[in-house]
Protein backbone atom coordinates (compact mmCIF):
# COMPACT_ATOMS: atom_id res chain seq x y z
CA UNK A 1 -2.97 2.21 14.26
CA UNK A 2 -1.23 0.85 11.19
CA UNK A 3 0.72 3.10 8.83
CA UNK A 4 0.87 2.07 5.19
CA UNK A 5 3.62 3.65 3.09
CA UNK A 6 3.25 3.47 -0.67
CA UNK A 7 6.02 4.43 -3.10
CA UNK A 8 4.25 4.87 -6.40
CA UNK A 9 5.90 4.20 -9.76
CA UNK A 10 4.54 3.69 -13.24
CA UNK A 11 2.84 0.30 -13.37
CA UNK A 12 3.72 -0.80 -9.82
CA UNK A 13 4.06 0.38 -6.24
CA UNK A 14 6.11 -0.67 -3.24
CA UNK A 15 4.10 -1.02 -0.05
CA UNK A 16 5.25 -1.34 3.57
CA UNK A 17 3.16 -1.66 6.73
CA UNK A 18 4.24 -0.61 10.23
CA UNK A 19 2.53 -0.21 13.58
CA UNK A 20 3.45 1.95 16.59
CA UNK A 21 6.85 1.50 18.21
CA UNK A 22 8.36 0.43 14.87
CA UNK A 23 6.65 -2.93 14.66
CA UNK A 24 7.04 -4.03 11.05
CA UNK A 25 3.90 -5.83 9.89
CA UNK A 26 5.08 -6.23 6.29
CA UNK A 27 8.48 -5.60 4.78
CA UNK A 28 8.24 -3.67 1.50
CA UNK A 29 6.45 -5.67 -1.18
CA UNK A 30 5.55 -4.92 -4.79
CA UNK A 31 2.00 -4.44 -6.06
CA UNK A 32 1.36 -4.20 -9.79
CA UNK A 33 -1.22 -1.69 -10.92
CA UNK A 34 -3.78 -4.20 -12.13
CA UNK A 35 -7.22 -5.01 -10.81
CA UNK A 36 -6.31 -8.32 -9.18
CA UNK A 37 -3.25 -7.15 -7.24
CA UNK A 38 -4.92 -3.92 -6.14
CA UNK A 39 -7.92 -5.91 -4.92
CA UNK A 40 -5.59 -8.23 -2.98
CA UNK A 41 -3.90 -5.21 -1.40
CA UNK A 42 -7.25 -3.79 -0.30
CA UNK A 43 -8.28 -7.12 1.22
CA UNK A 44 -4.96 -7.36 3.07
CA UNK A 45 -5.34 -3.85 4.47
CA UNK A 46 -8.91 -4.56 5.60
CA UNK A 47 -7.55 -7.32 7.86
CA UNK A 48 -5.39 -4.89 9.86
CA UNK A 49 -6.74 -4.14 13.34
CA UNK A 50 -7.77 -0.66 14.40
CA UNK A 51 -7.26 2.56 12.49
CA UNK A 52 -5.21 2.57 9.31
CA UNK A 53 -3.48 5.56 7.71
CA UNK A 54 -2.15 5.41 4.15
CA UNK A 55 0.71 7.66 3.07
CA UNK A 56 1.78 8.02 -0.53
CA UNK A 57 3.64 10.51 -2.61
CA UNK A 58 1.89 12.53 -5.25
CA UNK A 59 3.52 11.78 -8.59
CA UNK A 60 0.90 12.73 -11.12
CA UNK A 61 -1.55 10.02 -12.18
CA UNK A 62 0.64 6.95 -11.51
CA UNK A 63 -1.61 5.97 -8.62
CA UNK A 64 -4.51 5.37 -11.02
CA UNK A 65 -4.94 1.81 -12.36
CA UNK A 66 -3.92 1.43 -16.00
CA UNK A 67 -6.56 -0.85 -17.53
């Protein structure tokens, strides 16, 4: 299983990916809240093997794309 942690801010998010036993798949990286970068994030997450869980804070509507 992969765990995806997302720290949501206005206009961008920081994403990190870890697997069991503390294996870091991706150090924290920034994703802007635009269609292209969100699509790239989705494609990257689809490549992860097995089950994937996404964890993010609730901070109002910042998680919604601002088009």
